[in-house]
PDB file of N, CA and C in Angstrom:
ATOM      1  N   UNK A   1      28.185-182.071  42.873  1.00  0.00           N
ATOM      2  CA  UNK A   1      27.309-181.750  43.815  1.00  0.00           C
ATOM      3  C   UNK A   1      27.243-183.072  44.330  1.00  0.00           C
ATOM      4  N   UNK A   2      27.434-184.247  43.142  1.00  0.00           N
ATOM      5  CA  UNK A   2      27.717-185.670  44.010  1.00  0.00           C
ATOM      6  C   UNK A   2      28.763-186.078  43.884  1.00  0.00           C
ATOM      7  N   UNK A   3      29.748-185.751  43.595  1.00  0.00           N
ATOM      8  CA  UNK A   3      31.288-186.140  43.972  1.00  0.00           C
ATOM      9  C   UNK A   3      31.675-185.467  45.484  1.00  0.00           C
ATOM     10  N   UNK A   4      31.219-184.310  45.392  1.00  0.00           N
ATOM     11  CA  UNK A   4      31.069-183.476  46.929  1.00  0.00           C
ATOM     12  C   UNK A   4      30.293-184.427  47.784  1.00  0.00           C
ATOM     13  N   UNK A   5      29.118-184.985  48.206  1.00  0.00           N
ATOM     14  CA  UNK A   5      29.102-185.255  48.518  1.00  0.00           C
ATOM     15  C   UNK A   5      29.437-187.011  49.076  1.00  0.00           C
ATOM     16  N   UNK A   6      29.693-187.468  48.199  1.00  0.00           N
ATOM     17  CA  UNK A   6      30.534-188.965  48.493  1.00  0.00           C
ATOM     18  C   UNK A   6      31.826-189.328  49.067  1.00  0.00           C
ATOM     19  N   UNK A   7      33.026-187.259  48.419  1.00  0.00           N
ATOM     20  CA  UNK A   7      33.653-186.608  49.916  1.00  0.00           C
ATOM     21  C   UNK A   7      33.629-187.024  50.750  1.00  0.00           C
ATOM     22  N   UNK A   8      32.627-186.327  51.209  1.00  0.00           N
ATOM     23  CA  UNK A   8      32.285-185.576  52.502  1.00  0.00           C
ATOM     24  C   UNK A   8      31.562-187.367  53.262  1.00  0.00           C
ATOM     25  N   UNK A   9      31.027-188.243  52.586  1.00  0.00           N
ATOM     26  CA  UNK A   9      30.580-189.174  53.062  1.00  0.00           C
ATOM     27  C   UNK A   9      31.364-190.014  53.381  1.00  0.00           C
ATOM     28  N   UNK A  10      33.110-190.217  52.480  1.00  0.00           N
ATOM     29  CA  UNK A  10      33.973-191.112  52.783  1.00  0.00           C
ATOM     30  C   UNK A  10      34.949-190.837  54.165  1.00  0.00           C
ATOM     31  N   UNK A  11      34.709-189.274  54.459  1.00  0.00           N
ATOM     32  CA  UNK A  11      35.821-188.514  55.502  1.00  0.00           C
ATOM     33  C   UNK A  11      34.703-188.445  56.610  1.00  0.00           C
ATOM     34  N   UNK A  12      33.318-189.241  56.533  1.00  0.00           N
ATOM     35  CA  UNK A  12      33.103-189.340  57.777  1.00  0.00           C
ATOM     36  C   UNK A  12      32.140-188.663  58.195  1.00  0.00           C
ATOM     37  N   UNK A  13      32.498-187.364  57.464  1.00  0.00           N
ATOM     38  CA  UNK A  13      30.797-185.978  57.875  1.00  0.00           C
ATOM     39  C   UNK A  13      32.121-185.133  58.438  1.00  0.00           C
ATOM     40  N   UNK A  14      32.933-184.855  58.094  1.00  0.00           N
ATOM     41  CA  UNK A  14      33.955-184.419  58.588  1.00  0.00           C
ATOM     42  C   UNK A  14      34.178-182.872  57.559  1.00  0.00           C
ATOM     43  N   UNK A  15      33.859-181.902  58.068  1.00  0.00           N
ATOM     44  CA  UNK A  15      34.713-180.520  56.983  1.00  0.00           C
ATOM     45  C   UNK A  15      34.955-179.172  57.819  1.00  0.00           C
ATOM     46  N   UNK A  16      35.904-178.398  58.496  1.00  0.00           N
ATOM     47  CA  UNK A  16      36.336-177.576  58.172  1.00  0.00           C
ATOM     48  C   UNK A  16      35.972-176.815  59.635  1.00  0.00           C
ATOM     49  N   UNK A  17      35.195-176.617  59.131  1.00  0.00           N
ATOM     50  CA  UNK A  17      33.984-176.242  60.718  1.00  0.00           C
ATOM     51  C   UNK A  17      33.737-177.415  61.869  1.00  0.00           C
ATOM     52  N   UNK A  18      33.572-178.739  61.056  1.00  0.00           N
ATOM     53  CA  UNK A  18      33.556-179.766  62.622  1.00  0.00           C
ATOM     54  C   UNK A  18      35.198-179.957  63.236  1.00  0.00           C
ATOM     55  N   UNK A  19      36.170-179.402  62.252  1.00  0.00           N
ATOM     56  CA  UNK A  19      37.703-179.636  62.810  1.00  0.00           C
ATOM     57  C   UNK A  19      37.870-178.294  63.870  1.00  0.00           C
ATOM     58  N   UNK A  20      37.642-177.542  63.648  1.00  0.00           N
ATOM     59  CA  UNK A  20      37.976-176.164  64.130  1.00  0.00           C
ATOM     60  C   UNK A  20      36.814-176.719  65.287  1.00  0.00           C
ATOM     61  N   UNK A  21      35.357-177.119  65.189  1.00  0.00           N
ATOM     62  CA  UNK A  21      34.583-176.824  66.509  1.00  0.00           C
ATOM     63  C   UNK A  21      34.908-178.391  67.230  1.00  0.00           C
ATOM     64  N   UNK A  22      35.820-179.330  66.661  1.00  0.00           N
ATOM     65  CA  UNK A  22      36.341-180.247  67.938  1.00  0.00           C
ATOM     66  C   UNK A  22      37.453-179.155  68.418  1.00  0.00           C
ATOM     67  N   UNK A  23      38.413-178.797  67.636  1.00  0.00           N
ATOM     68  CA  UNK A  23      39.539-178.065  68.653  1.00  0.00           C
ATOM     69  C   UNK A  23      39.284-177.606  69.155  1.00  0.00           C
ATOM     70  N   UNK A  24      37.850-176.068  69.434  1.00  0.00           N
ATOM     71  CA  UNK A  24      37.748-175.511  69.893  1.00  0.00           C
ATOM     72  C   UNK A  24      37.351-175.896  71.219  1.00  0.00           C
ATOM     73  N   UNK A  25      36.231-177.228  71.663  1.00  0.00           N
ATOM     74  CA  UNK A  25      35.613-178.044  72.651  1.00  0.00           C
ATOM     75  C   UNK A  25      37.055-177.646  73.543  1.00  0.00           C
ATOM     76  N   UNK A  26      38.442-177.792  72.875  1.00  0.00           N
ATOM     77  CA  UNK A  26      39.056-178.015  74.655  1.00  0.00           C
ATOM     78  C   UNK A  26      39.783-176.739  74.805  1.00  0.00           C
ATOM     79  N   UNK A  27      39.120-175.832  74.487  1.00  0.00           N
ATOM     80  CA  UNK A  27      40.041-174.886  74.689  1.00  0.00           C
ATOM     81  C   UNK A  27      39.600-173.581  75.189  1.00  0.00           C
ATOM     82  N   UNK A  28      40.038-173.104  76.600  1.00  0.00           N
ATOM     83  CA  UNK A  28      38.828-173.037  77.470  1.00  0.00           C
ATOM     84  C   UNK A  28      37.512-171.834  77.007  1.00  0.00           C
ATOM     85  N   UNK A  29      38.368-170.796  75.963  1.00  0.00           N
ATOM     86  CA  UNK A  29      37.154-170.014  75.040  1.00  0.00           C
ATOM     87  C   UNK A  29      35.904-170.603  74.573  1.00  0.00           C
ATOM     88  N   UNK A  30      36.296-171.802  74.789  1.00  0.00           N
ATOM     89  CA  UNK A  30      36.094-172.746  73.744  1.00  0.00           C
ATOM     90  C   UNK A  30      33.888-173.273  75.224  1.00  0.00           C
ATOM     91  N   UNK A  31      35.416-173.425  76.043  1.00  0.00           N
ATOM     92  CA  UNK A  31      34.504-174.343  76.822  1.00  0.00           C
ATOM     93  C   UNK A  31      33.209-173.408  77.518  1.00  0.00           C
ATOM     94  N   UNK A  32      33.792-171.634  77.978  1.00  0.00           N
ATOM     95  CA  UNK A  32      33.361-170.586  78.474  1.00  0.00           C
ATOM     96  C   UNK A  32      32.372-170.400  77.750  1.00  0.00           C
ATOM     97  N   UNK A  33      32.451-170.582  75.798  1.00  0.00           N
ATOM     98  CA  UNK A  33      31.187-170.370  75.160  1.00  0.00           C
ATOM     99  C   UNK A  33      30.448-171.071  74.947  1.00  0.00           C
ATOM    100  N   UNK A  34      30.231-172.251  75.535  1.00  0.00           N
ATOM    101  CA  UNK A  34      29.334-173.095  75.545  1.00  0.00           C
ATOM    102  C   UNK A  34      28.514-173.319  76.815  1.00  0.00           C
ATOM    103  N   UNK A  35      29.438-172.414  77.667  1.00  0.00           N
ATOM    104  CA  UNK A  35      28.490-172.606  79.155  1.00  0.00           C
ATOM    105  C   UNK A  35      27.800-171.068  78.808  1.00  0.00           C
ATOM    106  N   UNK A  36      27.044-170.321  77.826  1.00  0.00           N
ATOM    107  CA  UNK A  36      26.894-169.413  77.645  1.00  0.00           C
ATOM    108  C   UNK A  36      25.579-169.473  78.015  1.00  0.00           C
ATOM    109  N   UNK A  37      25.079-170.376  77.584  1.00  0.00           N
ATOM    110  CA  UNK A  37      22.866-170.667  77.697  1.00  0.00           C
ATOM    111  C   UNK A  37      22.784-171.049  79.523  1.00  0.00           C
ATOM    112  N   UNK A  38      24.131-171.656  79.856  1.00  0.00           N
ATOM    113  CA  UNK A  38      23.069-171.545  80.955  1.00  0.00           C
ATOM    114  C   UNK A  38      23.640-170.464  82.070  1.00  0.00           C
ATOM    115  N   UNK A  39      25.303-170.022  81.570  1.00  0.00           N
ATOM    116  CA  UNK A  39      25.396-167.831  82.327  1.00  0.00           C
ATOM    117  C   UNK A  39      24.063-167.427  82.196  1.00  0.00           C
ATOM    118  N   UNK A  40      23.734-167.773  80.675  1.00  0.00           N
ATOM    119  CA  UNK A  40      22.282-166.396  80.666  1.00  0.00           C
ATOM    120  C   UNK A  40      21.218-166.601  80.938  1.00  0.00           C
ATOM    121  N   UNK A  41      20.881-167.814  81.974  1.00  0.00           N
ATOM    122  CA  UNK A  41      19.356-168.553  82.315  1.00  0.00           C
ATOM    123  C   UNK A  41      19.765-168.444  84.002  1.00  0.00           C
ATOM    124  N   UNK A  42      20.772-168.421  84.289  1.00  0.00           N
ATOM    125  CA  UNK A  42      21.223-168.330  85.955  1.00  0.00           C
ATOM    126  C   UNK A  42      20.940-167.113  86.253  1.00  0.00           C
ATOM    127  N   UNK A  43      21.958-166.238  85.018  1.00  0.00           N
ATOM    128  CA  UNK A  43      21.586-164.397  85.082  1.00  0.00           C
ATOM    129  C   UNK A  43      20.401-164.444  85.636  1.00  0.00           C
ATOM    130  N   UNK A  44      19.748-164.557  84.131  1.00  0.00           N
ATOM    131  CA  UNK A  44      18.247-164.299  83.935  1.00  0.00           C
ATOM    132  C   UNK A  44      17.057-164.636  85.456  1.00  0.00           C
ATOM    133  N   UNK A  45      17.471-165.413  85.955  1.00  0.00           N
ATOM    134  CA  UNK A  45      16.907-165.501  87.057  1.00  0.00           C
ATOM    135  C   UNK A  45      17.066-165.115  88.047  1.00  0.00           C
ATOM    136  N   UNK A  46      18.560-165.157  88.681  1.00  0.00           N
ATOM    137  CA  UNK A  46      18.288-164.433  89.599  1.00  0.00           C
ATOM    138  C   UNK A  46      18.162-163.327  89.813  1.00  0.00           C
ATOM    139  N   UNK A  47      17.881-162.466  88.397  1.00  0.00           N
ATOM    140  CA  UNK A  47      17.473-160.654  88.784  1.00  0.00           C
ATOM    141  C   UNK A  47      16.053-160.747  88.442  1.00  0.00           C
ATOM    142  N   UNK A  48      15.461-161.860  87.887  1.00  0.00           N
ATOM    143  CA  UNK A  48      13.531-161.781  88.288  1.00  0.00           C
ATOM    144  C   UNK A  48      13.977-162.121  89.728  1.00  0.00           C
ATOM    145  N   UNK A  49      14.774-162.716  90.172  1.00  0.00           N
ATOM    146  CA  UNK A  49      13.775-163.012  91.819  1.00  0.00           C
ATOM    147  C   UNK A  49      14.326-161.905  92.866  1.00  0.00           C
ATOM    148  N   UNK A  50      15.454-160.937  91.856  1.00  0.00           N
ATOM    149  CA  UNK A  50      15.994-160.296  92.922  1.00  0.00           C
ATOM    150  C   UNK A  50      14.247-158.891  92.680  1.00  0.00           C
ATOM    151  N   UNK A  51      14.493-158.865  91.138  1.00  0.00           N
ATOM    152  CA  UNK A  51      13.019-157.220  91.051  1.00  0.00           C
ATOM    153  C   UNK A  51      11.828-158.205  91.919  1.00  0.00           C
ATOM    154  N   UNK A  52      11.456-159.042  91.710  1.00  0.00           N
ATOM    155  CA  UNK A  52      10.258-159.640  92.080  1.00  0.00           C
ATOM    156  C   UNK A  52      10.253-159.434  93.780  1.00  0.00           C
ATOM    157  N   UNK A  53      11.200-159.399  94.301  1.00  0.00           N
ATOM    158  CA  UNK A  53      11.530-158.986  95.816  1.00  0.00           C
ATOM    159  C   UNK A  53      11.082-157.668  96.064  1.00  0.00           C
ATOM    160  N   UNK A  54      11.865-157.359  95.599  1.00  0.00           N
ATOM    161  CA  UNK A  54      11.699-155.510  94.918  1.00  0.00           C
ATOM    162  C   UNK A  54      10.347-154.401  94.868  1.00  0.00           C
ATOM    163  N   UNK A  55       9.545-156.031  94.169  1.00  0.00           N
ATOM    164  CA  UNK A  55       8.511-154.639  94.183  1.00  0.00           C
ATOM    165  C   UNK A  55       7.234-155.892  94.530  1.00  0.00           C
ATOM    166  N   UNK A  56       7.444-156.552  95.070  1.00  0.00           N
ATOM    167  CA  UNK A  56       6.453-157.409  95.311  1.00  0.00           C
ATOM    168  C   UNK A  56       5.815-157.222  96.156  1.00  0.00           C
ATOM    169  N   UNK A  57       5.854-156.379  97.322  1.00  0.00           N
ATOM    170  CA  UNK A  57       5.769-156.029  98.765  1.00  0.00           C
ATOM    171  C   UNK A  57       4.762-153.958  97.871  1.00  0.00           C
ATOM    172  N   UNK A  58       5.065-153.578  97.122  1.00  0.00           N
ATOM    173  CA  UNK A  58       4.716-152.502  96.506  1.00  0.00           C
ATOM    174  C   UNK A  58       3.668-152.038  95.616  1.00  0.00           C
ATOM    175  N   UNK A  59       3.846-153.435  94.337  1.00  0.00           N
ATOM    176  CA  UNK A  59       2.714-153.449  94.069  1.00  0.00           C
ATOM    177  C   UNK A  59       1.683-154.349  94.333  1.00  0.00           C
ATOM    178  N   UNK A  60       1.067-154.783  95.588  1.00  0.00           N
ATOM    179  CA  UNK A  60       0.444-156.254  95.562  1.00  0.00           C
ATOM    180  C   UNK A  60      -0.443-155.272  96.476  1.00  0.00           C
ATOM    181  N   UNK A  61       0.294-155.255  98.029  1.00  0.00           N
ATOM    182  CA  UNK A  61      -0.329-155.179  99.129  1.00  0.00           C
ATOM    183  C   UNK A  61      -1.038-154.246  99.728  1.00  0.00           C
ATOM    184  N   UNK A  62      -1.223-153.058  98.912  1.00  0.00           N
ATOM    185  CA  UNK A  62      -2.127-151.836  98.790  1.00  0.00           C
ATOM    186  C   UNK A  62      -3.561-152.180  98.133  1.00  0.00           C
ATOM    187  N   UNK A  63      -3.611-152.872  96.960  1.00  0.00           N
ATOM    188  CA  UNK A  63      -4.303-153.136  96.539  1.00  0.00           C
ATOM    189  C   UNK A  63      -5.702-154.206  97.044  1.00  0.00           C
ATOM    190  N   UNK A  64      -4.210-155.663  97.576  1.00  0.00           N
ATOM    191  CA  UNK A  64      -4.862-156.480  97.453  1.00  0.00           C
ATOM    192  C   UNK A  64      -4.442-157.100  98.986  1.00  0.00           C
ATOM    193  N   UNK A  65      -5.494-158.223  99.229  1.00  0.00           N
ATOM    194  CA  UNK A  65      -4.699-158.624 101.435  1.00  0.00           C
ATOM    195  C   UNK A  65      -5.612-160.000 101.314  1.00  0.00           C
ATOM    196  N   UNK A  66      -4.644-160.640 102.734  1.00  0.00           N
ATOM    197  CA  UNK A  66      -4.647-161.984 102.643  1.00  0.00           C
ATOM    198  C   UNK A  66      -5.160-162.842 101.672  1.00  0.00           C
ATOM    199  N   UNK A  67      -5.047-163.904 101.454  1.00  0.00           N
ATOM    200  CA  UNK A  67      -5.221-164.942 100.511  1.00  0.00           C
ATOM    201  C   UNK A  67      -5.197-164.530  99.644  1.00  0.00           C
ATOM    202  N   UNK A  68      -5.771-164.150  99.319  1.00  0.00           N
ATOM    203  CA  UNK A  68      -6.103-163.226  97.401  1.00  0.00           C
ATOM    204  C   UNK A  68      -4.356-162.387  97.660  1.00  0.00           C
ATOM    205  N   UNK A  69      -3.644-162.274  97.668  1.00  0.00           N
ATOM    206  CA  UNK A  69      -1.891-161.501  98.273  1.00  0.00           C
ATOM    207  C   UNK A  69      -1.304-162.703  97.672  1.00  0.00           C
ATOM    208  N   UNK A  70      -1.474-163.965  98.494  1.00  0.00           N
ATOM    209  CA  UNK A  70      -0.329-164.833  98.701  1.00  0.00           C
ATOM    210  C   UNK A  70      -0.422-165.581  97.228  1.00  0.00           C
ATOM    211  N   UNK A  71      -1.851-166.049  97.312  1.00  0.00           N
ATOM    212  CA  UNK A  71      -2.041-166.461  95.533  1.00  0.00           C
ATOM    213  C   UNK A  71      -1.585-165.785  94.711  1.00  0.00           C
ATOM    214  N   UNK A  72      -2.003-165.023  94.709  1.00  0.00           N
ATOM    215  CA  UNK A  72      -1.626-163.964  93.134  1.00  0.00           C
ATOM    216  C   UNK A  72       0.202-163.702  93.148  1.00  0.00           C
ATOM    217  N   UNK A  73       0.937-163.255  94.154  1.00  0.00           N
ATOM    218  CA  UNK A  73       2.351-163.544  94.301  1.00  0.00           C
ATOM    219  C   UNK A  73       2.674-164.672  93.563  1.00  0.00           C
ATOM    220  N   UNK A  74       2.305-166.032  94.503  1.00  0.00           N
ATOM    221  CA  UNK A  74       2.293-166.767  93.637  1.00  0.00           C
ATOM    222  C   UNK A  74       2.336-167.886  92.451  1.00  0.00           C
ATOM    223  N   UNK A  75       1.613-167.052  91.938  1.00  0.00           N
ATOM    224  CA  UNK A  75       1.512-167.035  90.288  1.00  0.00           C
ATOM    225  C   UNK A  75       2.503-166.725  89.577  1.00  0.00           C
ATOM    226  N   UNK A  76       2.284-165.459  90.281  1.00  0.00           N
ATOM    227  CA  UNK A  76       3.844-163.847  90.093  1.00  0.00           C
ATOM    228  C   UNK A  76       4.493-164.740  89.887  1.00  0.00           C
ATOM    229  N   UNK A  77       5.151-165.294  90.925  1.00  0.00           N
ATOM    230  CA  UNK A  77       6.672-165.333  90.682  1.00  0.00           C
ATOM    231  C   UNK A  77       6.698-167.427  90.051  1.00  0.00           C
ATOM    232  N   UNK A  78       6.080-168.041  90.440  1.00  0.00           N
ATOM    233  CA  UNK A  78       6.490-168.831  89.729  1.00  0.00           C
ATOM    234  C   UNK A  78       6.133-169.087  87.731  1.00  0.00           C
ATOM    235  N   UNK A  79       5.006-168.087  87.454  1.00  0.00           N
ATOM    236  CA  UNK A  79       4.630-167.657  85.822  1.00  0.00           C
ATOM    237  C   UNK A  79       5.452-166.912  85.265  1.00  0.00           C
ATOM    238  N   UNK A  80       6.750-165.978  86.199  1.00  0.00           N
ATOM    239  CA  UNK A  80       7.497-165.225  86.040  1.00  0.00           C
ATOM    240  C   UNK A  80       9.456-166.243  85.913  1.00  0.00           C
ATOM    241  N   UNK A  81       8.932-167.055  86.266  1.00  0.00           N
ATOM    242  CA  UNK A  81      10.276-167.833  86.895  1.00  0.00           C
ATOM    243  C   UNK A  81       9.678-169.255  85.316  1.00  0.00           C
ATOM    244  N   UNK A  82       8.841-169.316  84.763  1.00  0.00           N
ATOM    245  CA  UNK A  82       9.217-170.106  83.327  1.00  0.00           C
ATOM    246  C   UNK A  82       9.231-169.381  82.495  1.00  0.00           C
ATOM    247  N   UNK A  83       8.579-167.993  82.285  1.00  0.00           N
ATOM    248  CA  UNK A  83       8.625-167.160  81.522  1.00  0.00           C
ATOM    249  C   UNK A  83      10.412-166.231  81.217  1.00  0.00           C
ATOM    250  N   UNK A  84      11.377-166.566  82.274  1.00  0.00           N
ATOM    251  CA  UNK A  84      12.408-166.286  82.161  1.00  0.00           C
ATOM    252  C   UNK A  84      13.781-166.848  82.512  1.00  0.00           C
ATOM    253  N   UNK A  85      12.661-168.871  81.961  1.00  0.00           N
ATOM    254  CA  UNK A  85      13.668-169.859  81.669  1.00  0.00           C
ATOM    255  C   UNK A  85      13.687-169.854  80.427  1.00  0.00           C
ATOM    256  N   UNK A  86      12.896-169.262  79.697  1.00  0.00           N
ATOM    257  CA  UNK A  86      12.095-169.722  78.569  1.00  0.00           C
ATOM    258  C   UNK A  86      13.219-168.215  77.766  1.00  0.00           C
ATOM    259  N   UNK A  87      13.036-166.545  78.246  1.00  0.00           N
ATOM    260  CA  UNK A  87      14.411-165.955  77.200  1.00  0.00           C
ATOM    261  C   UNK A  87      15.403-166.285  77.746  1.00  0.00           C
ATOM    262  N   UNK A  88      15.701-166.292  79.023  1.00  0.00           N
ATOM    263  CA  UNK A  88      17.249-166.777  79.339  1.00  0.00           C
ATOM    264  C   UNK A  88      17.778-167.576  78.608  1.00  0.00           C
ATOM    265  N   UNK A  89      17.297-169.243  78.138  1.00  0.00           N
ATOM    266  CA  UNK A  89      17.338-169.907  77.374  1.00  0.00           C
ATOM    267  C   UNK A  89      17.208-169.828  75.685  1.00  0.00           C
ATOM    268  N   UNK A  90      16.854-169.166  75.571  1.00  0.00           N
ATOM    269  CA  UNK A  90      16.626-167.853  74.196  1.00  0.00           C
ATOM    270  C   UNK A  90      18.438-166.761  74.195  1.00  0.00           C
ATOM    271  N   UNK A  91      18.208-166.463  74.761  1.00  0.00           N
ATOM    272  CA  UNK A  91      18.795-165.881  74.897  1.00  0.00           C
ATOM    273  C   UNK A  91      20.671-166.023  74.438  1.00  0.00           C
ATOM    274  N   UNK A  92      21.021-167.270  75.938  1.00  0.00           N
ATOM    275  CA  UNK A  92      21.640-167.716  76.005  1.00  0.00           C
ATOM    276  C   UNK A  92      21.742-168.501  74.864  1.00  0.00           C
ATOM    277  N   UNK A  93      20.898-169.453  73.679  1.00  0.00           N
ATOM    278  CA  UNK A  93      21.604-169.836  73.050  1.00  0.00           C
ATOM    279  C   UNK A  93      22.268-168.419  71.597  1.00  0.00           C
ATOM    280  N   UNK A  94      21.161-167.401  72.088  1.00  0.00           N
ATOM    281  CA  UNK A  94      21.783-166.544  70.495  1.00  0.00           C
ATOM    282  C   UNK A  94      23.444-166.329  70.784  1.00  0.00           C
ATOM    283  N   UNK A  95      23.478-166.259  72.038  1.00  0.00           N
ATOM    284  CA  UNK A  95      25.084-165.291  72.405  1.00  0.00           C
ATOM    285  C   UNK A  95      25.624-166.766  72.044  1.00  0.00           C
ATOM    286  N   UNK A  96      25.802-168.140  72.417  1.00  0.00           N
ATOM    287  CA  UNK A  96      26.598-168.545  72.510  1.00  0.00           C
ATOM    288  C   UNK A  96      26.600-169.535  70.088  1.00  0.00           C
ATOM    289  N   UNK A  97      25.861-169.275  69.708  1.00  0.00           N
ATOM    290  CA  UNK A  97      25.637-168.910  68.542  1.00  0.00           C
ATOM    291  C   UNK A  97      26.891-168.043  68.399  1.00  0.00           C
ATOM    292  N   UNK A  98      27.040-166.560  68.159  1.00  0.00           N
ATOM    293  CA  UNK A  98      27.161-165.393  67.832  1.00  0.00           C
ATOM    294  C   UNK A  98      28.365-166.060  68.103  1.00  0.00           C
ATOM    295  N   UNK A  99      28.908-166.370  69.109  1.00  0.00           N
ATOM    296  CA  UNK A  99      30.259-166.707  69.461  1.00  0.00           C
ATOM    297  C   UNK A  99      30.999-167.334  69.742  1.00  0.00           C
ATOM    298  N   UNK A 100      30.646-168.411  68.688  1.00  0.00           N
ATOM    299  CA  UNK A 100      31.057-169.223  68.487  1.00  0.00           C
ATOM    300  C   UNK A 100      31.471-169.052  66.852  1.00  0.00           C
ATOM    301  N   UNK A 101      29.954-169.459  66.398  1.00  0.00           N
ATOM    302  CA  UNK A 101      30.297-168.411  65.048  1.00  0.00           C
ATOM    303  C   UNK A 101      31.770-168.025  65.212  1.00  0.00           C
ATOM    304  N   UNK A 102      32.348-166.350  65.820  1.00  0.00           N
ATOM    305  CA  UNK A 102      33.783-165.524  65.817  1.00  0.00           C
ATOM    306  C   UNK A 102      34.501-166.420  66.346  1.00  0.00           C
ATOM    307  N   UNK A 103      35.230-167.223  67.317  1.00  0.00           N
ATOM    308  CA  UNK A 103      35.488-168.467  67.620  1.00  0.00           C
ATOM    309  C   UNK A 103      35.701-169.231  66.107  1.00  0.00           C
ATOM    310  N   UNK A 104      35.304-169.622  65.231  1.00  0.00           N
ATOM    311  CA  UNK A 104      35.339-170.316  64.475  1.00  0.00           C
ATOM    312  C   UNK A 104      35.726-169.203  63.399  1.00  0.00           C
ATOM    313  N   UNK A 105      35.615-168.523  63.046  1.00  0.00           N
ATOM    314  CA  UNK A 105      36.547-167.553  61.942  1.00  0.00           C
ATOM    315  C   UNK A 105      37.595-166.961  62.426  1.00  0.00           C
ATOM    316  N   UNK A 106      37.800-166.817  63.243  1.00  0.00           N
ATOM    317  CA  UNK A 106      39.380-166.576  64.113  1.00  0.00           C
ATOM    318  C   UNK A 106      40.098-168.285  64.299  1.00  0.00           C
ATOM    319  N   UNK A 107      39.658-169.151  64.365  1.00  0.00           N
ATOM    320  CA  UNK A 107      40.444-170.411  65.116  1.00  0.00           C
ATOM    321  C   UNK A 107      40.937-170.200  63.361  1.00  0.00           C
ATOM    322  N   UNK A 108      40.321-170.099  61.916  1.00  0.00           N
ATOM    323  CA  UNK A 108      40.456-170.628  60.803  1.00  0.00           C
ATOM    324  C   UNK A 108      40.933-169.720  59.727  1.00  0.00           C
ATOM    325  N   UNK A 109      40.937-168.863  60.235  1.00  0.00           N
ATOM    326  CA  UNK A 109      42.037-167.381  60.264  1.00  0.00           C
ATOM    327  C   UNK A 109      43.359-166.843  60.271  1.00  0.00           C
TER     328      UNK A 109
END
């Protein structure tokens, strides 16, 4: 173990995975996979805004009026945006890691 760590230290920390990572970063597939987090966040935001706009009038208009309606829709919309950003970031990060592992396996094999 000590010998392996010494070799790793002398090589500047490069392993086969990091060499594959560096080579894949410059390919089109590598760039698309790296952008998956951003793509997932934008998709989730678009989905949330669409759903909110479609359901806003149906859910709140019959039961609430005036100022309460405006305040509640504002809270729901911005609270949903924060939740959507969090969910989109988690989903995008999961997808990016999964696809990156797949690309590294194919690149090495």
